[in-house]
Protein backbone atom coordinates (compact mmCIF):
# COMPACT_ATOMS: atom_id res chain seq x y z
CA MET A 1 37.49 -37.78 -46.17
CA GLY A 2 35.05 -36.27 -48.65
CA GLU A 3 35.34 -32.68 -50.16
CA VAL A 4 32.56 -31.40 -48.04
CA LYS A 5 34.28 -32.61 -44.83
CA ARG A 6 37.55 -31.08 -45.82
CA GLN A 7 35.85 -27.88 -46.59
CA GLY A 8 33.81 -27.97 -43.38
CA VAL A 9 37.22 -28.14 -41.28
CA ARG A 10 38.78 -25.34 -43.21
CA ASN A 11 35.68 -23.27 -43.01
CA THR A 12 35.34 -23.67 -39.33
CA LEU A 13 38.84 -22.84 -38.69
CA ILE A 14 38.65 -19.79 -40.90
CA VAL A 15 35.58 -18.52 -39.38
CA TYR A 16 36.96 -18.87 -35.87
CA ILE A 17 40.20 -17.00 -37.01
CA GLY A 18 37.94 -14.31 -38.60
CA THR A 19 35.75 -14.04 -35.62
CA LEU A 20 38.98 -13.57 -33.62
CA LEU A 21 39.94 -10.72 -36.10
CA GLY A 22 36.49 -9.31 -35.86
CA ALA A 23 36.43 -9.34 -32.14
CA VAL A 24 39.73 -7.43 -32.14
CA SER A 25 38.61 -5.03 -34.50
CA LEU A 26 35.26 -4.19 -33.10
CA LEU A 27 36.02 -4.66 -29.28
CA TYR A 28 39.40 -2.95 -29.49
CA VAL A 29 40.66 -1.29 -32.81
CA GLN A 30 37.47 0.52 -33.81
CA PRO A 31 36.44 1.91 -30.32
CA VAL A 32 40.01 2.95 -29.41
CA PHE A 33 41.29 4.14 -32.73
CA LEU A 34 37.99 5.83 -33.80
CA SER A 35 35.74 8.39 -32.05
CA LYS A 36 32.25 7.16 -31.29
CA GLU A 37 30.93 9.62 -34.02
CA ASP A 38 33.22 8.05 -36.73
CA LEU A 39 32.43 4.50 -35.59
CA GLY A 40 28.74 5.30 -35.42
CA GLN A 41 28.72 6.89 -38.80
CA ALA A 42 30.53 3.72 -40.28
CA ARG A 43 28.03 1.45 -38.73
CA LEU A 44 25.17 3.50 -40.00
CA ILE A 45 26.39 3.47 -43.56
CA LEU A 46 26.94 -0.21 -43.28
CA SER A 47 23.40 -0.82 -41.78
CA PHE A 48 21.59 1.15 -44.53
CA ALA A 49 23.71 -0.35 -47.35
CA SER A 50 22.93 -3.83 -46.02
CA VAL A 51 19.29 -3.07 -46.11
CA PHE A 52 19.56 -1.71 -49.68
CA SER A 53 21.58 -4.50 -51.05
CA SER A 54 19.10 -6.94 -50.02
CA LEU A 55 16.84 -5.07 -52.46
CA LEU A 56 19.18 -4.59 -55.21
CA SER A 57 20.29 -8.43 -55.10
CA PHE A 58 16.75 -9.35 -55.65
CA GLY A 59 17.17 -12.78 -53.96
CA ILE A 60 20.11 -13.64 -56.13
CA SER A 61 21.83 -15.73 -53.41
CA SER A 62 18.98 -18.04 -52.76
CA VAL A 63 18.14 -18.21 -56.54
CA THR A 64 21.76 -19.33 -57.19
CA VAL A 65 22.02 -21.78 -54.29
CA ARG A 66 18.57 -23.26 -55.18
CA TYR A 67 18.81 -23.55 -59.08
CA LEU A 68 22.60 -23.75 -60.08
CA PRO A 69 22.77 -27.48 -58.76
CA ARG A 70 20.06 -28.20 -61.44
CA LEU A 71 22.12 -26.83 -64.26
CA HIS A 72 25.63 -27.98 -62.90
CA ASP A 73 27.57 -29.12 -65.83
CA PRO A 74 31.25 -28.11 -66.03
CA SER A 75 31.53 -29.13 -69.70
CA THR A 76 28.86 -26.51 -70.77
CA GLY A 77 29.81 -23.83 -68.20
CA HIS A 78 26.60 -24.62 -66.34
CA ARG A 79 24.78 -23.23 -69.40
CA GLY A 80 26.09 -19.89 -68.82
CA PHE A 81 24.45 -19.56 -65.50
CA PHE A 82 27.25 -17.24 -64.27
CA GLY A 83 26.55 -14.99 -67.41
CA PHE A 84 22.85 -14.89 -66.41
CA LEU A 85 23.97 -14.11 -62.76
CA LEU A 86 25.88 -11.02 -63.93
CA LEU A 87 23.08 -9.97 -66.27
CA TYR A 88 20.59 -10.35 -63.27
CA MET A 89 22.65 -8.31 -60.88
CA GLY A 90 23.54 -5.65 -63.42
CA ILE A 91 19.95 -4.85 -64.18
CA THR A 92 18.83 -4.85 -60.53
CA ILE A 93 21.89 -2.67 -59.43
CA VAL A 94 21.27 -0.12 -62.02
CA VAL A 95 17.46 0.23 -61.60
CA GLY A 96 17.62 -0.16 -57.74
CA SER A 97 20.25 2.42 -57.42
CA ALA A 98 18.61 4.96 -59.68
CA VAL A 99 15.32 4.47 -57.63
CA LEU A 100 16.97 4.89 -54.35
CA TRP A 101 18.68 8.04 -55.61
CA LEU A 102 15.47 9.65 -56.75
CA LEU A 103 13.89 8.69 -53.31
CA SER A 104 16.75 10.04 -51.23
CA PRO A 105 15.29 13.46 -50.50
CA TRP A 106 12.17 11.88 -49.19
CA LEU A 107 13.96 9.29 -47.14
CA GLY A 108 16.21 12.03 -45.77
CA ALA A 109 13.28 14.01 -44.70
CA LEU A 110 11.57 10.81 -43.08
CA TYR A 111 14.78 9.77 -41.22
CA GLY A 112 16.33 13.23 -40.38
CA THR A 113 19.16 15.22 -41.61
CA GLY A 114 21.42 14.96 -38.49
CA THR A 115 23.44 11.90 -39.66
CA GLY A 116 23.52 13.12 -43.34
CA ILE A 117 23.05 9.55 -44.27
CA PHE A 118 20.92 10.46 -47.40
CA SER A 119 22.75 13.70 -48.29
CA THR A 120 26.60 13.53 -47.40
CA TYR A 121 26.91 10.02 -47.33
CA LEU A 122 24.53 8.61 -49.98
CA PRO A 123 27.20 7.89 -52.61
CA HIS A 124 28.85 5.79 -49.96
CA VAL A 125 25.66 3.95 -49.24
CA LEU A 126 25.00 3.26 -52.93
CA THR A 127 28.44 2.26 -53.73
CA LEU A 128 28.57 -0.03 -50.66
CA SER A 129 25.11 -1.53 -51.54
CA ALA A 130 26.23 -2.29 -55.12
CA SER A 131 29.57 -3.90 -53.95
CA TYR A 132 27.83 -5.90 -51.41
CA THR A 133 25.08 -7.09 -53.95
CA LEU A 134 27.95 -8.48 -56.04
CA VAL A 135 29.52 -10.19 -53.03
CA LEU A 136 26.21 -11.81 -52.23
CA GLY A 137 25.96 -13.05 -55.92
CA PHE A 138 29.58 -14.26 -56.16
CA ASN A 139 29.56 -16.11 -52.74
CA ALA A 140 26.45 -17.85 -53.50
CA TYR A 141 27.96 -19.09 -56.88
CA CYS A 142 30.98 -20.40 -55.00
CA LEU A 143 28.65 -22.09 -52.40
CA ALA A 144 26.49 -23.75 -54.98
CA LEU A 145 29.71 -25.34 -56.40
CA LEU A 146 30.72 -26.46 -52.89
CA ARG A 147 33.62 -24.04 -53.22
CA SER A 148 33.32 -22.22 -49.87
CA VAL A 149 36.96 -22.01 -48.27
CA PHE A 150 38.22 -19.27 -50.29
CA PRO A 151 35.11 -17.06 -50.08
CA THR A 152 34.93 -17.61 -46.44
CA ALA A 153 38.64 -16.47 -46.08
CA VAL A 154 37.78 -13.39 -47.91
CA ASN A 155 34.78 -12.61 -46.25
CA ASP A 156 35.97 -13.25 -42.67
CA ILE A 157 39.75 -12.59 -42.78
CA VAL A 158 40.73 -10.39 -45.82
CA LEU A 159 37.94 -8.07 -45.49
CA ARG A 160 38.53 -7.36 -41.70
CA LEU A 161 42.24 -6.98 -42.19
CA LEU A 162 41.58 -4.38 -44.93
CA PHE A 163 39.22 -2.44 -42.70
CA ILE A 164 41.83 -2.56 -39.85
CA LEU A 165 44.27 -1.24 -42.15
CA VAL A 166 42.13 1.54 -43.27
CA ILE A 167 41.38 2.51 -39.59
CA ALA A 168 45.14 2.58 -38.97
CA VAL A 169 46.18 4.93 -41.74
CA TYR A 170 43.07 7.25 -40.74
CA HIS A 171 44.06 7.08 -36.90
CA PHE A 172 47.79 8.06 -37.60
CA GLY A 173 46.69 10.94 -39.91
CA ILE A 174 47.70 9.51 -43.20
CA ILE A 175 44.29 10.16 -44.70
CA GLY A 176 41.41 12.49 -43.63
CA ARG A 177 37.91 11.75 -42.63
CA ASP A 178 36.24 11.87 -46.06
CA ARG A 179 38.98 9.53 -47.34
CA PHE A 180 38.46 7.18 -44.51
CA PHE A 181 34.68 6.62 -45.35
CA GLN A 182 35.60 6.28 -49.16
CA LEU A 183 38.19 3.53 -48.36
CA PHE A 184 35.79 1.94 -45.82
CA VAL A 185 33.32 1.40 -48.72
CA LEU A 186 35.87 0.32 -51.23
CA THR A 187 37.06 -2.52 -49.02
CA TYR A 188 33.79 -4.40 -50.05
CA THR A 189 34.43 -3.64 -53.62
CA ALA A 190 37.73 -5.21 -53.30
CA GLN A 191 36.08 -8.15 -51.65
CA ALA A 192 33.98 -8.41 -54.79
CA ALA A 193 36.82 -8.36 -57.17
CA LEU A 194 38.61 -11.10 -55.34
CA LEU A 195 35.51 -13.46 -55.39
CA LEU A 196 35.22 -12.59 -59.18
CA GLY A 197 38.77 -13.56 -59.81
CA TYR A 198 38.46 -16.74 -57.86
CA ILE A 199 35.38 -17.88 -59.76
CA PHE A 200 37.31 -17.69 -63.08
CA LEU A 201 40.31 -19.31 -61.50
CA VAL A 202 38.45 -22.64 -60.45
CA ASP A 203 35.19 -22.78 -62.64
CA ARG A 204 35.81 -21.28 -66.07
CA PRO A 205 32.16 -20.26 -66.33
CA ALA A 206 30.36 -19.37 -69.57
CA LEU A 207 29.41 -15.82 -69.91
CA ARG A 208 26.65 -16.15 -72.47
CA PRO A 209 23.43 -17.48 -70.76
CA ASP A 210 21.55 -20.19 -72.43
CA LEU A 211 18.32 -18.65 -71.56
CA GLN A 212 16.30 -21.16 -73.54
CA HIS A 213 17.79 -24.04 -71.63
CA ILE A 214 17.42 -22.22 -68.37
CA ASN A 215 13.93 -21.53 -69.09
CA ARG A 216 13.20 -25.15 -69.99
CA GLU A 217 14.91 -26.66 -66.94
CA ILE A 218 13.88 -24.08 -64.48
CA GLY A 219 11.35 -21.76 -65.89
CA LEU A 220 12.28 -17.96 -65.77
CA ARG A 221 8.95 -17.03 -64.45
CA SER A 222 9.28 -19.69 -61.63
CA LEU A 223 12.74 -18.23 -60.97
CA LEU A 224 11.55 -14.65 -60.74
CA ARG A 225 8.52 -15.65 -58.70
CA TYR A 226 10.88 -17.31 -56.30
CA ALA A 227 13.30 -14.30 -56.40
CA SER A 228 10.41 -11.96 -55.59
CA ILE A 229 9.27 -13.80 -52.53
CA ILE A 230 12.70 -14.44 -51.26
CA THR A 231 13.65 -10.73 -51.80
CA PHE A 232 10.66 -9.93 -49.54
CA THR A 233 11.81 -12.30 -47.12
CA SER A 234 15.54 -11.29 -47.21
CA VAL A 235 14.49 -7.51 -46.94
CA ASN A 236 12.66 -8.32 -43.89
CA SER A 237 15.50 -10.50 -42.44
CA VAL A 238 18.23 -7.83 -43.08
CA THR A 239 15.86 -5.08 -42.03
CA VAL A 240 15.37 -6.99 -38.59
CA LYS A 241 19.12 -7.35 -38.30
CA TYR A 242 20.07 -3.64 -38.90
CA ILE A 243 16.91 -1.75 -37.78
CA ASP A 244 18.20 -1.47 -34.32
CA ALA A 245 21.16 0.47 -35.32
CA VAL A 246 19.18 2.49 -37.54
CA PHE A 247 16.82 3.45 -34.88
CA VAL A 248 19.52 4.34 -32.28
CA GLY A 249 21.30 6.25 -34.92
CA SER A 250 18.14 8.44 -35.27
CA ILE A 251 18.72 9.53 -31.50
CA SER A 252 22.67 9.63 -31.44
CA VAL A 253 25.38 8.63 -33.85
CA GLY A 254 27.67 8.05 -30.91
CA GLN A 255 25.25 5.55 -29.41
CA VAL A 256 25.39 3.37 -32.48
CA ALA A 257 29.03 2.81 -31.70
CA VAL A 258 28.21 1.68 -28.00
CA TYR A 259 25.43 -0.43 -29.30
CA SER A 260 27.35 -2.02 -32.05
CA VAL A 261 30.37 -3.11 -29.70
CA ALA A 262 27.93 -4.29 -26.90
CA ALA A 263 25.79 -6.34 -29.56
CA PHE A 264 28.71 -7.84 -31.17
CA MET A 265 29.76 -9.38 -27.94
CA GLY A 266 26.36 -10.98 -27.62
CA LEU A 267 26.24 -12.17 -31.19
CA PHE A 268 29.63 -13.81 -30.81
CA ILE A 269 27.68 -16.78 -29.50
CA GLU A 270 26.38 -17.50 -32.96
CA VAL A 271 29.80 -17.94 -34.49
CA PRO A 272 29.38 -21.86 -34.82
CA LEU A 273 26.01 -21.40 -36.38
CA THR A 274 27.05 -18.93 -38.99
CA ALA A 275 30.04 -21.12 -39.91
CA SER A 276 28.02 -24.44 -40.25
CA GLU A 277 24.92 -22.72 -42.11
CA ARG A 278 27.47 -21.87 -44.97
CA ILE A 279 27.93 -25.44 -45.61
CA ALA A 280 24.63 -26.80 -44.44
CA SER A 281 22.64 -24.68 -46.97
CA PRO A 282 23.76 -26.23 -50.11
CA ALA A 283 23.88 -29.49 -48.40
CA ILE A 284 20.29 -29.29 -47.31
CA SER A 285 19.35 -28.06 -50.81
CA HIS A 286 20.80 -31.23 -52.37
CA ALA A 287 19.24 -33.52 -49.76
CA LEU A 288 15.81 -31.98 -50.15
CA ALA A 289 15.93 -32.11 -54.01
CA ALA A 290 16.86 -35.84 -53.63
CA ARG A 291 14.14 -36.28 -50.97
CA ASP A 292 16.76 -37.52 -48.57
CA MET A 293 14.97 -36.65 -45.28
CA GLU A 294 17.26 -38.71 -43.25
CA ALA A 295 20.18 -36.38 -44.05
CA VAL A 296 18.10 -33.35 -43.29
CA LYS A 297 17.05 -34.90 -39.89
CA ARG A 298 20.78 -35.69 -38.84
CA ILE A 299 21.74 -32.24 -39.67
CA TYR A 300 18.81 -30.63 -37.76
CA TYR A 301 18.80 -32.75 -34.76
CA GLY A 302 22.54 -32.92 -34.29
CA SER A 303 22.97 -29.09 -34.79
CA ALA A 304 20.26 -28.40 -32.14
CA ARG A 305 21.84 -30.32 -29.53
CA GLY A 306 25.35 -29.44 -30.38
CA PHE A 307 24.77 -25.72 -30.74
CA LEU A 308 23.00 -25.60 -27.38
CA LEU A 309 25.91 -27.34 -25.67
CA PHE A 310 28.45 -24.91 -27.13
CA GLY A 311 26.12 -21.98 -27.30
CA GLY A 312 25.29 -22.44 -23.60
CA LEU A 313 28.93 -22.14 -22.60
CA ALA A 314 29.56 -19.13 -24.88
CA PHE A 315 26.70 -17.49 -23.35
CA LEU A 316 27.89 -17.84 -19.77
CA LEU A 317 31.36 -16.62 -20.81
CA VAL A 318 29.85 -13.61 -22.46
CA VAL A 319 27.15 -12.32 -19.91
CA LEU A 320 29.18 -13.08 -16.87
CA ASN A 321 32.25 -11.14 -18.27
CA ALA A 322 30.44 -8.43 -20.19
CA ARG A 323 30.73 -5.55 -17.78
CA ASP A 324 34.48 -6.13 -17.03
CA ALA A 325 35.30 -6.59 -20.59
CA LEU A 326 33.59 -3.51 -21.79
CA SER A 327 34.95 -1.45 -19.02
CA LEU A 328 38.38 -1.84 -20.66
CA LEU A 329 37.24 0.33 -23.45
CA PRO A 330 36.96 4.16 -23.62
CA GLN A 331 34.59 5.85 -21.36
CA GLY A 332 30.89 5.01 -21.92
CA TYR A 333 31.16 1.50 -23.54
CA ALA A 334 30.62 -0.24 -20.21
CA ASP A 335 27.09 1.22 -20.24
CA GLY A 336 26.29 -1.39 -22.98
CA SER A 337 26.84 -4.40 -20.82
CA ALA A 338 22.94 -4.80 -20.29
CA VAL A 339 22.58 -4.72 -24.04
CA THR A 340 25.05 -7.55 -24.46
CA ILE A 341 23.22 -9.71 -22.04
CA ILE A 342 19.83 -9.16 -23.79
CA ILE A 343 21.41 -9.88 -27.19
CA ALA A 344 23.23 -12.81 -26.01
CA PHE A 345 19.96 -14.59 -24.96
CA GLY A 346 18.47 -14.20 -28.36
CA ALA A 347 21.55 -15.48 -29.79
CA LEU A 348 21.38 -18.57 -27.53
CA VAL A 349 17.79 -19.09 -28.69
CA ASN A 350 19.10 -19.02 -32.31
CA MET A 351 21.76 -21.61 -31.38
CA ALA A 352 19.48 -23.98 -29.63
CA THR A 353 17.13 -24.18 -32.68
CA GLY A 354 19.85 -25.42 -34.78
CA ILE A 355 20.15 -25.24 -38.53
CA ASN A 356 16.49 -24.52 -39.35
CA HIS A 357 16.78 -21.60 -41.82
CA PRO A 358 18.14 -23.57 -44.75
CA ILE A 359 15.52 -26.18 -44.24
CA LEU A 360 12.81 -23.52 -44.49
CA VAL A 361 14.20 -21.55 -47.54
CA ASN A 362 15.06 -24.68 -49.61
CA SER A 363 11.89 -26.49 -48.98
CA ASP A 364 8.69 -26.39 -51.32
CA ARG A 365 6.97 -24.28 -48.68
CA TYR A 366 9.41 -21.30 -48.90
CA ILE A 367 6.62 -18.82 -48.98
CA TYR A 368 6.13 -19.28 -45.46
CA GLY A 369 9.43 -17.87 -44.68
CA SER A 370 8.01 -14.52 -46.07
CA VAL A 371 4.88 -14.86 -43.93
CA PHE A 372 7.02 -15.33 -40.82
CA MET A 373 9.10 -12.42 -41.79
CA VAL A 374 6.15 -10.10 -42.08
CA VAL A 375 5.27 -10.95 -38.38
CA LEU A 376 8.78 -10.59 -37.30
CA LEU A 377 9.24 -7.27 -39.09
CA VAL A 378 6.15 -5.83 -37.81
CA ALA A 379 6.89 -7.02 -34.29
CA THR A 380 10.47 -5.50 -34.50
CA LEU A 381 9.37 -2.08 -35.99
CA VAL A 382 6.72 -1.71 -33.19
CA GLY A 383 9.30 -2.69 -30.47
CA ASN A 384 11.79 -0.16 -31.88
CA ILE A 385 9.17 2.59 -32.32
CA LEU A 386 7.83 2.01 -28.73
CA LEU A 387 10.95 1.27 -26.86
CA VAL A 388 14.03 3.15 -28.41
CA PRO A 389 12.60 6.72 -27.64
CA ARG A 390 12.08 5.69 -24.01
CA LEU A 391 14.87 3.11 -23.44
CA GLY A 392 17.45 4.05 -26.20
CA ALA A 393 20.01 1.16 -26.95
CA MET A 394 18.26 -1.09 -24.38
CA GLY A 395 14.91 -0.78 -26.23
CA ALA A 396 16.78 -1.70 -29.49
CA ALA A 397 18.27 -4.65 -27.52
CA ILE A 398 15.00 -5.88 -26.45
CA SER A 399 13.41 -5.77 -29.82
CA SER A 400 16.27 -7.69 -31.25
CA CYS A 401 16.08 -10.36 -28.70
CA THR A 402 12.24 -10.69 -29.12
CA ALA A 403 12.73 -10.83 -32.85
CA SER A 404 15.19 -13.68 -32.55
CA VAL A 405 12.76 -15.72 -30.18
CA LEU A 406 9.68 -15.14 -32.30
CA TYR A 407 11.30 -15.97 -35.67
CA ASN A 408 12.83 -19.22 -34.31
CA ALA A 409 9.66 -20.28 -32.59
CA LEU A 410 7.85 -19.88 -35.98
CA LYS A 411 10.52 -21.73 -37.83
CA PHE A 412 10.33 -24.62 -35.11
CA ILE A 413 6.47 -24.89 -35.33
CA PHE A 414 6.66 -25.05 -39.19
CA ILE A 415 9.35 -27.65 -39.48
CA ARG A 416 7.57 -29.77 -36.86
CA GLN A 417 4.27 -29.59 -38.62
CA HIS A 418 5.51 -29.82 -42.17
CA PHE A 419 8.41 -32.36 -41.80
CA GLY A 420 7.48 -33.94 -38.52
CA LEU A 421 10.93 -33.14 -37.25
CA GLN A 422 11.23 -32.03 -33.47
CA PRO A 423 14.98 -31.96 -32.04
CA PHE A 424 14.34 -31.16 -28.34
CA ASP A 425 14.14 -33.92 -25.63
CA ARG A 426 14.66 -34.18 -21.88
CA GLY A 427 18.49 -33.86 -22.41
CA THR A 428 17.63 -30.29 -23.88
CA LEU A 429 15.77 -29.44 -20.58
CA GLY A 430 18.85 -30.66 -18.54
CA ILE A 431 21.27 -28.49 -20.44
CA VAL A 432 18.92 -25.44 -20.10
CA ALA A 433 19.00 -26.09 -16.35
CA VAL A 434 22.71 -26.61 -16.24
CA ILE A 435 23.05 -23.08 -17.88
CA ILE A 436 20.83 -21.40 -15.62
CA ALA A 437 22.41 -23.07 -12.41
CA VAL A 438 25.96 -21.94 -13.57
CA TRP A 439 24.71 -18.50 -14.51
CA MET A 440 23.12 -17.85 -10.99
CA THR A 441 26.15 -19.30 -9.08
CA MET A 442 28.81 -17.55 -10.85
CA ALA A 443 27.01 -14.27 -10.78
CA TRP A 444 26.84 -14.29 -6.98
CA LEU A 445 30.42 -15.34 -6.59
CA PRO A 446 32.94 -12.25 -5.60
CA PHE A 447 36.23 -12.51 -7.31
CA GLY A 448 37.65 -9.26 -5.79
CA LEU A 449 40.45 -9.22 -8.46
CA PRO A 450 41.37 -6.44 -11.03
CA THR A 451 39.53 -6.45 -14.30
CA VAL A 452 41.77 -8.72 -16.42
CA PRO A 453 42.54 -11.31 -13.74
CA ALA A 454 38.87 -11.36 -12.66
CA ILE A 455 37.77 -12.12 -16.34
CA ALA A 456 40.44 -14.91 -16.56
CA VAL A 457 39.63 -16.61 -13.21
CA ARG A 458 35.83 -16.25 -13.85
CA SER A 459 36.14 -17.91 -17.32
CA VAL A 460 38.07 -20.92 -15.83
CA ALA A 461 35.48 -21.27 -13.27
CA ILE A 462 32.60 -21.21 -15.62
CA ILE A 463 34.19 -23.57 -17.96
CA ALA A 464 35.04 -26.09 -14.97
CA ALA A 465 31.40 -25.89 -13.55
CA TYR A 466 29.63 -26.11 -16.84
CA ALA A 467 31.76 -29.10 -18.21
CA GLY A 468 31.60 -30.67 -14.68
CA ALA A 469 27.71 -30.44 -14.50
CA LEU A 470 27.44 -31.96 -18.06
CA HIS A 471 29.61 -34.77 -17.40
CA LEU A 472 27.88 -35.46 -13.82
CA PHE A 473 24.37 -35.43 -15.43
CA ARG A 474 25.65 -37.19 -18.79
CA LEU A 475 24.42 -34.40 -20.82
CA GLY A 476 27.48 -33.94 -23.11
CA ALA A 477 26.64 -36.84 -25.46
CA GLY A 478 25.72 -35.64 -29.01
CA GLY A 479 28.01 -32.72 -28.91
CA LEU A 480 28.54 -30.56 -32.01
CA ASP A 481 30.11 -32.22 -34.93
CA VAL A 482 28.71 -30.33 -37.90
CA ILE A 483 31.32 -31.78 -40.20
CA ARG A 484 30.31 -35.28 -39.37
CA LEU A 485 26.80 -34.44 -39.94
CA LEU A 486 27.41 -33.03 -43.29
CA ARG A 487 29.23 -36.15 -44.46
CA SER A 488 25.77 -37.18 -45.48
CA ARG A 489 26.31 -35.03 -48.74
CA ASP A 490 29.18 -37.13 -49.63
CA ARG A 491 27.32 -40.39 -49.81
């Protein structure tokens, strides 16, 4: 069993454990132990910091995954690429933070002063942005070296446990509100420190960058040009991801909490895709560099069919249980069930189109990713501007779902035209038909049970009906085995 396969197994296990922790945290610990205002404020800080970090990082994740394999040579410390990485991030963090600090009065006036995000909480936003920039860079370095297990554990398990700990000490009155937000930010700083220590433990990187060799092998101008384009794409992508919470926050900080919890339930469907893309991105990068299109095809086709199969089941479990599950939380959260259903549909579309993003960003036509993101960002902004003032969180959910469908449609068309790859067939239509049939049937069945037993009985019925229909119509062949698909990297 190759190293990539072993890491894939471990990554999948870790991501699912981390997702379970995340679900417990966001669906129980945070809404129960925090007020809606505190939870909403924390999500706003995270949302703005995520957008800003995509600027501060200046494409470092994609740059590292794309170019480090070309300099890979442990005997020379990869020609000091890690030193180059630190220098690169240091410059972008200092310059970017200074610019954002100078622009904060204008941004505050533009967004509004009700949340204090650009006054009281600006230091928190900037610290979190810088910390997350370092996390992005260190994560990418580990992934490019095919060392993904420890970073995944830190990202998905350790970080969430730290946040739960911070919430607990705040809830029980050990620390005050101000200290809570400070420690919330510092959990990401601790994450960056752990990744840095791991890199020096497993790789012994050289800190003096061999700029002449890097320039000769890659070309610093080409690298910076690629970084500029990817940054534009990344900013758009992250903005699309968090813009809904930002717009909802401009209306009500408390509604950000409701929206975040409801949206998380819908996005739970994407867990297998998130886990697999971490391994698939460097594998596809290596395959494209070697012009091994058969490996790319196996990953793309297999992931599209497999993710639709498993995503369909997850979609049914989430949307049919959303109202009951949210009713177990404090008052007001059950109102977000419609948001969960809309977000879940967009997540299912994302799953059904398979591992397409790494193919786009690692190809020689990566500039199209920026073009697609411009269209996506404009559509998302227009949707939020038009719908959030009228529909609130529902409007944000509709905009997010539309963004997912639009972006995946653009990537599907690009890959089909540029690479001649199209992963859908009659079996795809059959799986979609089964999903619709089970959804419509279960939605009309009265269970007449208390909330928790109703969720349990309904879930068993959904699984039985879905699996039975797939078996009856022989649609289950080609199920998800991303680890097997990624074995092509071992060869």
